[in-house]
Amino acid sequence: MTKLFGPSAALLAVSLSSFPETAEAFSAAATTTSTSSSTTAADVAVPPVQVADPNNPLIQLANEFTYTKSGFYSPYDEDAFSDDFVFRGPYIGPLNKADYLSVMNTFGIHKAIPDINPNAFGWSIDPKDPNRVWFMVRNTGTFNGEPLGLGNGIDFPSNGSQLKGCPETFSLTFDGDQKAKYLSVGYVADRFEGNTNGAGAAVGIFNCIGLPFPKPGPLLKFAQWFGTEVVNGGAVSYSTENVPTWWTNEDKASEGYL
């Protein structure tokens, strides 16, 4: 309980002596506070720790997809994607299947950074959605391969930059045929790690190799609109049509992301 000294204590004493009802209420409140604060950690029920089974078929499927079929860390396997596939990140999306694969072809991340590795860890099944797998990545690699494609025939030559990514949260949701229906990426858990200026996924890579990506705001919003709906050289920021109907959020690209 807070202790009062000097003028504050004297003023409180005078107030309480003048108004007996106030004194009684104050005493009762102090007693209640003292009683409630006596609760100890031993009185709190601790739930069991939930640890995912690494042999869970969906976790195995998500691990395989991430490393060998996504189009980011390796060439993509088109058959591994549902026709209702949606991609979403903090800055890019929603992308339908065709647009996502086109963006992967344009960037050629796994060709530009031949040793790129997600170093995935922390696999778990969403307790509210048994078809959704959550995990984290911490990208590493060396930009010493082919030039990085930026769209409209513009390439950025390799320069040997070492990628040391932030820890990022990813998720993969599979449909009834065990095909990827939803991929979310790039949500940074600790922006103070690594050398990507606090950003994840492709945006973090751009920052690392010397292509600073604009912060969310009017400039980025205009650039993404112009590059998607006016120029469209292969690296669109969002799909302008044929977004699966199950996706209902209306934000585009970096809209709504601080």
C-alpha atoms as a PDB file:
ATOM      1  CA  MET A   1       0.000   0.000   0.000  1.00  0.00           C
ATOM      2  CA  THR A   2       1.266   3.512  -0.839  1.00  0.00           C
ATOM      3  CA  LYS A   3       2.594   5.491   2.149  1.00  0.00           C
ATOM      4  CA  LEU A   4       1.932   9.230   2.481  1.00  0.00           C
ATOM      5  CA  PHE A   5       4.337  11.665   4.125  1.00  0.00           C
ATOM      6  CA  GLY A   6       4.420  15.380   5.028  1.00  0.00           C
ATOM      7  CA  PRO A   7       1.629  17.674   3.808  1.00  0.00           C
ATOM      8  CA  SER A   8      -0.163  14.889   1.953  1.00  0.00           C
ATOM      9  CA  ALA A   9      -0.508  12.788   5.127  1.00  0.00           C
ATOM     10  CA  ALA A  10      -1.656  15.759   7.178  1.00  0.00           C
ATOM     11  CA  LEU A  11      -4.280  16.748   4.605  1.00  0.00           C
ATOM     12  CA  LEU A  12      -5.607  13.180   4.492  1.00  0.00           C
ATOM     13  CA  ALA A  13      -5.797  12.996   8.306  1.00  0.00           C
ATOM     14  CA  VAL A  14      -7.800  16.236   8.507  1.00  0.00           C
ATOM     15  CA  SER A  15     -10.159  15.072   5.764  1.00  0.00           C
ATOM     16  CA  LEU A  16     -10.835  11.740   7.450  1.00  0.00           C
ATOM     17  CA  SER A  17     -11.396  13.279  10.891  1.00  0.00           C
ATOM     18  CA  SER A  18     -13.886  15.753   9.447  1.00  0.00           C
ATOM     19  CA  PHE A  19     -15.891  13.103   7.614  1.00  0.00           C
ATOM     20  CA  PRO A  20     -16.249   9.843   9.603  1.00  0.00           C
ATOM     21  CA  GLU A  21     -18.119   8.159   6.742  1.00  0.00           C
ATOM     22  CA  THR A  22     -15.147   8.790   4.468  1.00  0.00           C
ATOM     23  CA  ALA A  23     -12.801   7.314   7.063  1.00  0.00           C
ATOM     24  CA  GLU A  24     -14.840   4.125   7.257  1.00  0.00           C
ATOM     25  CA  ALA A  25     -14.972   3.798   3.459  1.00  0.00           C
ATOM     26  CA  PHE A  26     -11.257   4.393   3.188  1.00  0.00           C
ATOM     27  CA  SER A  27     -10.567   1.726   5.812  1.00  0.00           C
ATOM     28  CA  ALA A  28     -12.834  -0.782   4.065  1.00  0.00           C
ATOM     29  CA  ALA A  29     -11.167  -0.149   0.710  1.00  0.00           C
ATOM     30  CA  ALA A  30      -7.741  -0.626   2.242  1.00  0.00           C
ATOM     31  CA  THR A  31      -8.836  -3.923   3.788  1.00  0.00           C
ATOM     32  CA  THR A  32     -10.257  -5.146   0.476  1.00  0.00           C
ATOM     33  CA  THR A  33      -7.067  -4.200  -1.380  1.00  0.00           C
ATOM     34  CA  SER A  34      -4.955  -5.978   1.215  1.00  0.00           C
ATOM     35  CA  THR A  35      -7.063  -9.123   0.954  1.00  0.00           C
ATOM     36  CA  SER A  36      -7.059  -9.209  -2.864  1.00  0.00           C
ATOM     37  CA  SER A  37      -3.314  -8.651  -3.068  1.00  0.00           C
ATOM     38  CA  SER A  38      -2.719 -11.731  -0.926  1.00  0.00           C
ATOM     39  CA  THR A  39      -3.476 -13.990  -3.928  1.00  0.00           C
ATOM     40  CA  THR A  40      -0.314 -15.853  -4.855  1.00  0.00           C
ATOM     41  CA  ALA A  41       0.955 -17.461  -8.027  1.00  0.00           C
ATOM     42  CA  ALA A  42       0.128 -20.820  -6.487  1.00  0.00           C
ATOM     43  CA  ASP A  43      -3.576 -19.887  -6.570  1.00  0.00           C
ATOM     44  CA  VAL A  44      -3.551 -19.353 -10.368  1.00  0.00           C
ATOM     45  CA  ALA A  45      -4.286 -22.391 -12.516  1.00  0.00           C
ATOM     46  CA  VAL A  46      -1.563 -22.936 -15.121  1.00  0.00           C
ATOM     47  CA  PRO A  47      -2.816 -24.653 -18.282  1.00  0.00           C
ATOM     48  CA  PRO A  48      -0.698 -27.386 -19.862  1.00  0.00           C
ATOM     49  CA  VAL A  49       1.776 -26.291 -22.525  1.00  0.00           C
ATOM     50  CA  GLN A  50       0.534 -27.123 -26.003  1.00  0.00           C
ATOM     51  CA  VAL A  51       3.303 -28.516 -28.182  1.00  0.00           C
ATOM     52  CA  ALA A  52       2.625 -29.589 -31.743  1.00  0.00           C
ATOM     53  CA  ASP A  53       3.497 -33.065 -32.935  1.00  0.00           C
ATOM     54  CA  PRO A  54       6.265 -32.644 -35.537  1.00  0.00           C
ATOM     55  CA  ASN A  55       4.899 -35.718 -37.303  1.00  0.00           C
ATOM     56  CA  ASN A  56       1.508 -34.098 -37.836  1.00  0.00           C
ATOM     57  CA  PRO A  57       0.781 -34.557 -41.571  1.00  0.00           C
ATOM     58  CA  LEU A  58      -0.123 -30.887 -42.077  1.00  0.00           C
ATOM     59  CA  ILE A  59       3.058 -29.690 -40.396  1.00  0.00           C
ATOM     60  CA  GLN A  60       5.061 -32.024 -42.601  1.00  0.00           C
ATOM     61  CA  LEU A  61       3.146 -30.741 -45.632  1.00  0.00           C
ATOM     62  CA  ALA A  62       3.741 -27.090 -44.664  1.00  0.00           C
ATOM     63  CA  ASN A  63       7.444 -27.742 -44.122  1.00  0.00           C
ATOM     64  CA  GLU A  64       7.765 -29.387 -47.534  1.00  0.00           C
ATOM     65  CA  PHE A  65       5.774 -26.622 -49.239  1.00  0.00           C
ATOM     66  CA  THR A  66       7.861 -23.870 -47.660  1.00  0.00           C
ATOM     67  CA  TYR A  67      11.226 -25.306 -48.621  1.00  0.00           C
ATOM     68  CA  THR A  68      10.475 -26.890 -51.991  1.00  0.00           C
ATOM     69  CA  LYS A  69       7.243 -25.591 -53.559  1.00  0.00           C
ATOM     70  CA  SER A  70       6.542 -21.986 -52.563  1.00  0.00           C
ATOM     71  CA  GLY A  71       8.289 -20.158 -55.420  1.00  0.00           C
ATOM     72  CA  PHE A  72      10.152 -17.977 -52.922  1.00  0.00           C
ATOM     73  CA  TYR A  73      12.712 -20.369 -51.446  1.00  0.00           C
ATOM     74  CA  SER A  74      12.651 -22.692 -54.456  1.00  0.00           C
ATOM     75  CA  PRO A  75      10.863 -23.069 -57.799  1.00  0.00           C
ATOM     76  CA  TYR A  76       7.129 -23.309 -57.255  1.00  0.00           C
ATOM     77  CA  ASP A  77       4.976 -26.371 -57.796  1.00  0.00           C
ATOM     78  CA  GLU A  78       1.820 -25.016 -59.404  1.00  0.00           C
ATOM     79  CA  ASP A  79      -0.143 -28.138 -58.457  1.00  0.00           C
ATOM     80  CA  ALA A  80       0.552 -27.492 -54.762  1.00  0.00           C
ATOM     81  CA  PHE A  81      -1.660 -24.377 -54.875  1.00  0.00           C
ATOM     82  CA  SER A  82      -5.433 -24.390 -54.664  1.00  0.00           C
ATOM     83  CA  ASP A  83      -7.346 -22.570 -57.395  1.00  0.00           C
ATOM     84  CA  ASP A  84      -8.779 -20.499 -54.515  1.00  0.00           C
ATOM     85  CA  PHE A  85      -5.314 -19.574 -53.260  1.00  0.00           C
ATOM     86  CA  VAL A  86      -4.706 -16.150 -51.697  1.00  0.00           C
ATOM     87  CA  PHE A  87      -1.386 -14.627 -50.671  1.00  0.00           C
ATOM     88  CA  ARG A  88      -1.196 -11.793 -48.143  1.00  0.00           C
ATOM     89  CA  GLY A  89       1.648  -9.936 -46.481  1.00  0.00           C
ATOM     90  CA  PRO A  90       1.939  -6.585 -44.710  1.00  0.00           C
ATOM     91  CA  TYR A  91       2.765  -4.743 -47.953  1.00  0.00           C
ATOM     92  CA  ILE A  92       1.686  -7.097 -50.746  1.00  0.00           C
ATOM     93  CA  GLY A  93      -1.691  -8.680 -51.471  1.00  0.00           C
ATOM     94  CA  PRO A  94      -4.191  -9.985 -51.744  1.00  0.00           C
ATOM     95  CA  LEU A  95      -2.781 -11.927 -54.672  1.00  0.00           C
ATOM     96  CA  ASN A  96      -4.673 -14.684 -56.413  1.00  0.00           C
ATOM     97  CA  LYS A  97      -2.860 -17.782 -57.606  1.00  0.00           C
ATOM     98  CA  ALA A  98      -1.988 -16.507 -61.080  1.00  0.00           C
ATOM     99  CA  ASP A  99      -0.715 -13.157 -59.837  1.00  0.00           C
ATOM    100  CA  TYR A 100       1.297 -14.736 -57.029  1.00  0.00           C
ATOM    101  CA  LEU A 101       3.066 -17.111 -59.391  1.00  0.00           C
ATOM    102  CA  SER A 102       3.723 -14.209 -61.791  1.00  0.00           C
ATOM    103  CA  VAL A 103       5.312 -12.165 -58.989  1.00  0.00           C
ATOM    104  CA  MET A 104       7.485 -15.142 -58.001  1.00  0.00           C
ATOM    105  CA  ASN A 105       8.614 -15.469 -61.626  1.00  0.00           C
ATOM    106  CA  THR A 106       9.448 -11.766 -61.784  1.00  0.00           C
ATOM    107  CA  PHE A 107      11.457 -11.575 -58.564  1.00  0.00           C
ATOM    108  CA  GLY A 108      13.278 -14.886 -58.912  1.00  0.00           C
ATOM    109  CA  ILE A 109      14.319 -14.704 -55.245  1.00  0.00           C
ATOM    110  CA  HIS A 110      15.713 -18.239 -55.080  1.00  0.00           C
ATOM    111  CA  LYS A 111      17.797 -17.566 -58.195  1.00  0.00           C
ATOM    112  CA  ALA A 112      19.124 -14.235 -56.939  1.00  0.00           C
ATOM    113  CA  ILE A 113      19.940 -15.685 -53.513  1.00  0.00           C
ATOM    114  CA  PRO A 114      20.829 -19.305 -54.334  1.00  0.00           C
ATOM    115  CA  ASP A 115      21.463 -20.278 -50.718  1.00  0.00           C
ATOM    116  CA  ILE A 116      18.369 -18.597 -49.270  1.00  0.00           C
ATOM    117  CA  ASN A 117      17.101 -20.448 -46.233  1.00  0.00           C
ATOM    118  CA  PRO A 118      14.007 -19.723 -44.153  1.00  0.00           C
ATOM    119  CA  ASN A 119      15.426 -21.534 -41.115  1.00  0.00           C
ATOM    120  CA  ALA A 120      11.820 -22.290 -40.195  1.00  0.00           C
ATOM    121  CA  PHE A 121      10.946 -23.115 -36.593  1.00  0.00           C
ATOM    122  CA  GLY A 122       8.100 -23.073 -34.067  1.00  0.00           C
ATOM    123  CA  TRP A 123       5.613 -25.133 -36.069  1.00  0.00           C
ATOM    124  CA  SER A 124       2.112 -25.366 -34.595  1.00  0.00           C
ATOM    125  CA  ILE A 125      -1.499 -26.081 -35.531  1.00  0.00           C
ATOM    126  CA  ASP A 126      -3.985 -23.271 -35.022  1.00  0.00           C
ATOM    127  CA  PRO A 127      -6.314 -24.370 -32.172  1.00  0.00           C
ATOM    128  CA  LYS A 128      -9.202 -22.541 -33.867  1.00  0.00           C
ATOM    129  CA  ASP A 129      -8.491 -23.818 -37.389  1.00  0.00           C
ATOM    130  CA  PRO A 130      -7.066 -27.351 -37.703  1.00  0.00           C
ATOM    131  CA  ASN A 131      -6.193 -26.701 -41.359  1.00  0.00           C
ATOM    132  CA  ARG A 132      -3.897 -23.775 -40.550  1.00  0.00           C
ATOM    133  CA  VAL A 133      -0.216 -24.187 -39.694  1.00  0.00           C
ATOM    134  CA  TRP A 134       1.695 -21.382 -37.972  1.00  0.00           C
ATOM    135  CA  PHE A 135       5.481 -21.097 -37.942  1.00  0.00           C
ATOM    136  CA  MET A 136       8.330 -18.612 -37.942  1.00  0.00           C
ATOM    137  CA  VAL A 137      11.258 -17.978 -40.270  1.00  0.00           C
ATOM    138  CA  ARG A 138      14.528 -16.113 -39.994  1.00  0.00           C
ATOM    139  CA  ASN A 139      15.809 -15.723 -43.549  1.00  0.00           C
ATOM    140  CA  THR A 140      19.499 -15.999 -44.390  1.00  0.00           C
ATOM    141  CA  GLY A 141      21.415 -16.071 -47.651  1.00  0.00           C
ATOM    142  CA  THR A 142      23.812 -14.294 -49.995  1.00  0.00           C
ATOM    143  CA  PHE A 143      22.801 -12.106 -52.922  1.00  0.00           C
ATOM    144  CA  ASN A 144      25.382 -13.522 -55.320  1.00  0.00           C
ATOM    145  CA  GLY A 145      23.215 -15.195 -57.947  1.00  0.00           C
ATOM    146  CA  GLU A 146      21.210 -13.846 -60.849  1.00  0.00           C
ATOM    147  CA  PRO A 147      19.969 -10.243 -60.881  1.00  0.00           C
ATOM    148  CA  LEU A 148      16.812  -9.650 -58.890  1.00  0.00           C
ATOM    149  CA  GLY A 149      13.848  -8.928 -61.155  1.00  0.00           C
ATOM    150  CA  LEU A 150      11.809  -5.807 -60.402  1.00  0.00           C
ATOM    151  CA  GLY A 151       9.375  -5.894 -63.310  1.00  0.00           C
ATOM    152  CA  ASN A 152       9.166  -4.043 -66.628  1.00  0.00           C
ATOM    153  CA  GLY A 153      12.482  -5.545 -67.666  1.00  0.00           C
ATOM    154  CA  ILE A 154      14.350  -3.857 -64.813  1.00  0.00           C
ATOM    155  CA  ASP A 155      16.899  -5.972 -62.944  1.00  0.00           C
ATOM    156  CA  PHE A 156      19.019  -5.242 -59.893  1.00  0.00           C
ATOM    157  CA  PRO A 157      22.472  -6.873 -60.140  1.00  0.00           C
ATOM    158  CA  SER A 158      23.820  -9.056 -57.361  1.00  0.00           C
ATOM    159  CA  ASN A 159      26.254  -7.384 -54.964  1.00  0.00           C
ATOM    160  CA  GLY A 160      27.140 -10.047 -52.425  1.00  0.00           C
ATOM    161  CA  SER A 161      24.916  -8.649 -49.672  1.00  0.00           C
ATOM    162  CA  GLN A 162      24.470 -10.972 -46.711  1.00  0.00           C
ATOM    163  CA  LEU A 163      20.846 -11.423 -45.689  1.00  0.00           C
ATOM    164  CA  LYS A 164      20.185 -11.665 -41.946  1.00  0.00           C
ATOM    165  CA  GLY A 165      16.441 -11.505 -41.551  1.00  0.00           C
ATOM    166  CA  CYS A 166      14.162 -10.654 -38.662  1.00  0.00           C
ATOM    167  CA  PRO A 167      12.083 -13.413 -37.095  1.00  0.00           C
ATOM    168  CA  GLU A 168       8.830 -13.408 -39.060  1.00  0.00           C
ATOM    169  CA  THR A 169       5.461 -15.074 -38.540  1.00  0.00           C
ATOM    170  CA  PHE A 170       4.097 -17.171 -41.409  1.00  0.00           C
ATOM    171  CA  SER A 171       0.976 -19.267 -41.778  1.00  0.00           C
ATOM    172  CA  LEU A 172      -0.274 -21.796 -44.308  1.00  0.00           C
ATOM    173  CA  THR A 173      -3.891 -22.904 -44.617  1.00  0.00           C
ATOM    174  CA  PHE A 174      -4.690 -26.021 -46.641  1.00  0.00           C
ATOM    175  CA  ASP A 175      -7.938 -26.990 -48.343  1.00  0.00           C
ATOM    176  CA  GLY A 176      -9.614 -30.411 -48.290  1.00  0.00           C
ATOM    177  CA  ASP A 177      -7.261 -31.646 -51.021  1.00  0.00           C
ATOM    178  CA  GLN A 178      -4.228 -30.580 -48.966  1.00  0.00           C
ATOM    179  CA  LYS A 179      -3.386 -27.791 -51.364  1.00  0.00           C
ATOM    180  CA  ALA A 180      -2.252 -24.356 -50.184  1.00  0.00           C
ATOM    181  CA  LYS A 181      -5.303 -22.104 -49.911  1.00  0.00           C
ATOM    182  CA  TYR A 182      -3.853 -19.204 -47.938  1.00  0.00           C
ATOM    183  CA  LEU A 183      -0.294 -18.065 -47.313  1.00  0.00           C
ATOM    184  CA  SER A 184       0.458 -15.184 -44.962  1.00  0.00           C
ATOM    185  CA  VAL A 185       4.053 -14.007 -44.575  1.00  0.00           C
ATOM    186  CA  GLY A 186       6.311 -11.227 -43.400  1.00  0.00           C
ATOM    187  CA  TYR A 187       4.788 -10.238 -40.052  1.00  0.00           C
ATOM    188  CA  VAL A 188       7.902  -9.333 -38.075  1.00  0.00           C
ATOM    189  CA  ALA A 189       8.093 -10.457 -34.447  1.00  0.00           C
ATOM    190  CA  ASP A 190      11.223  -8.475 -33.542  1.00  0.00           C
ATOM    191  CA  ARG A 191      12.146  -5.621 -35.865  1.00  0.00           C
ATOM    192  CA  PHE A 192      15.403  -4.998 -34.013  1.00  0.00           C
ATOM    193  CA  GLU A 193      17.005  -8.230 -35.218  1.00  0.00           C
ATOM    194  CA  GLY A 194      18.827  -8.671 -38.491  1.00  0.00           C
ATOM    195  CA  ASN A 195      19.739  -6.213 -41.248  1.00  0.00           C
ATOM    196  CA  THR A 196      16.422  -5.793 -43.078  1.00  0.00           C
ATOM    197  CA  ASN A 197      15.443  -2.510 -41.424  1.00  0.00           C
ATOM    198  CA  GLY A 198      12.662  -4.188 -39.490  1.00  0.00           C
ATOM    199  CA  ALA A 199      10.835  -5.589 -42.538  1.00  0.00           C
ATOM    200  CA  GLY A 200      10.126  -9.149 -43.582  1.00  0.00           C
ATOM    201  CA  ALA A 201       9.688 -11.238 -46.728  1.00  0.00           C
ATOM    202  CA  ALA A 202      10.683  -9.613 -50.049  1.00  0.00           C
ATOM    203  CA  VAL A 203      10.531  -6.091 -48.574  1.00  0.00           C
ATOM    204  CA  GLY A 204      13.164  -7.057 -46.018  1.00  0.00           C
ATOM    205  CA  ILE A 205      15.349  -8.460 -48.773  1.00  0.00           C
ATOM    206  CA  PHE A 206      15.028  -5.242 -50.768  1.00  0.00           C
ATOM    207  CA  ASN A 207      16.165  -3.224 -47.749  1.00  0.00           C
ATOM    208  CA  CYS A 208      19.117  -5.542 -47.163  1.00  0.00           C
ATOM    209  CA  ILE A 209      20.503  -5.481 -50.699  1.00  0.00           C
ATOM    210  CA  GLY A 210      20.303  -1.706 -51.135  1.00  0.00           C
ATOM    211  CA  LEU A 211      16.781  -1.118 -52.466  1.00  0.00           C
ATOM    212  CA  PRO A 212      15.098   0.784 -49.606  1.00  0.00           C
ATOM    213  CA  PHE A 213      11.366   0.138 -49.595  1.00  0.00           C
ATOM    214  CA  PRO A 214       9.112   3.136 -48.789  1.00  0.00           C
ATOM    215  CA  LYS A 215       7.310   3.195 -45.462  1.00  0.00           C
ATOM    216  CA  PRO A 216       3.496   2.935 -45.513  1.00  0.00           C
ATOM    217  CA  GLY A 217       1.997   6.260 -46.530  1.00  0.00           C
ATOM    218  CA  PRO A 218       0.837   8.286 -49.548  1.00  0.00           C
ATOM    219  CA  LEU A 219       4.053   7.731 -51.547  1.00  0.00           C
ATOM    220  CA  LEU A 220       3.944   3.954 -51.207  1.00  0.00           C
ATOM    221  CA  LYS A 221       0.209   3.841 -51.855  1.00  0.00           C
ATOM    222  CA  PHE A 222       0.636   5.784 -55.106  1.00  0.00           C
ATOM    223  CA  ALA A 223       3.639   3.716 -56.208  1.00  0.00           C
ATOM    224  CA  GLN A 224       1.790   0.456 -55.613  1.00  0.00           C
ATOM    225  CA  TRP A 225      -1.310   1.675 -57.411  1.00  0.00           C
ATOM    226  CA  PHE A 226       0.742   2.952 -60.365  1.00  0.00           C
ATOM    227  CA  GLY A 227       2.847  -0.198 -60.582  1.00  0.00           C
ATOM    228  CA  THR A 228      -0.223  -2.419 -60.431  1.00  0.00           C
ATOM    229  CA  GLU A 229      -3.003  -0.675 -62.327  1.00  0.00           C
ATOM    230  CA  VAL A 230      -1.074   1.541 -64.777  1.00  0.00           C
ATOM    231  CA  VAL A 231       2.242  -0.101 -65.632  1.00  0.00           C
ATOM    232  CA  ASN A 232       1.921  -3.714 -64.398  1.00  0.00           C
ATOM    233  CA  GLY A 233       5.277  -5.117 -65.367  1.00  0.00           C
ATOM    234  CA  GLY A 234       4.836  -8.448 -63.556  1.00  0.00           C
ATOM    235  CA  ALA A 235       5.435  -7.432 -59.940  1.00  0.00           C
ATOM    236  CA  VAL A 236       1.931  -6.314 -58.983  1.00  0.00           C
ATOM    237  CA  SER A 237       1.200  -5.323 -55.391  1.00  0.00           C
ATOM    238  CA  TYR A 238      -2.335  -6.739 -55.374  1.00  0.00           C
ATOM    239  CA  SER A 239      -4.780  -8.512 -57.645  1.00  0.00           C
ATOM    240  CA  THR A 240      -7.263  -6.264 -59.411  1.00  0.00           C
ATOM    241  CA  GLU A 241      -9.602  -9.119 -60.316  1.00  0.00           C
ATOM    242  CA  ASN A 242     -10.351 -12.784 -59.689  1.00  0.00           C
ATOM    243  CA  VAL A 243      -9.665 -12.668 -55.964  1.00  0.00           C
ATOM    244  CA  PRO A 244     -11.394 -15.740 -54.489  1.00  0.00           C
ATOM    245  CA  THR A 245     -14.740 -14.875 -52.940  1.00  0.00           C
ATOM    246  CA  TRP A 246     -13.808 -16.367 -49.567  1.00  0.00           C
ATOM    247  CA  TRP A 247     -11.388 -13.455 -49.105  1.00  0.00           C
ATOM    248  CA  THR A 248     -13.506 -10.540 -47.862  1.00  0.00           C
ATOM    249  CA  ASN A 249     -11.011  -7.956 -46.555  1.00  0.00           C
ATOM    250  CA  GLU A 250     -10.989  -4.911 -48.846  1.00  0.00           C
ATOM    251  CA  ASP A 251      -7.569  -3.475 -47.934  1.00  0.00           C
ATOM    252  CA  LYS A 252      -5.046  -3.458 -50.782  1.00  0.00           C
ATOM    253  CA  ALA A 253      -1.279  -3.750 -50.482  1.00  0.00           C
ATOM    254  CA  SER A 254      -0.047  -1.654 -47.529  1.00  0.00           C
ATOM    255  CA  GLU A 255      -3.429  -0.141 -46.707  1.00  0.00           C
ATOM    256  CA  GLY A 256      -4.260  -0.507 -43.030  1.00  0.00           C
ATOM    257  CA  TYR A 257      -0.721  -1.512 -42.067  1.00  0.00           C
ATOM    258  CA  LEU A 258       1.245   0.854 -39.826  1.00  0.00           C
END
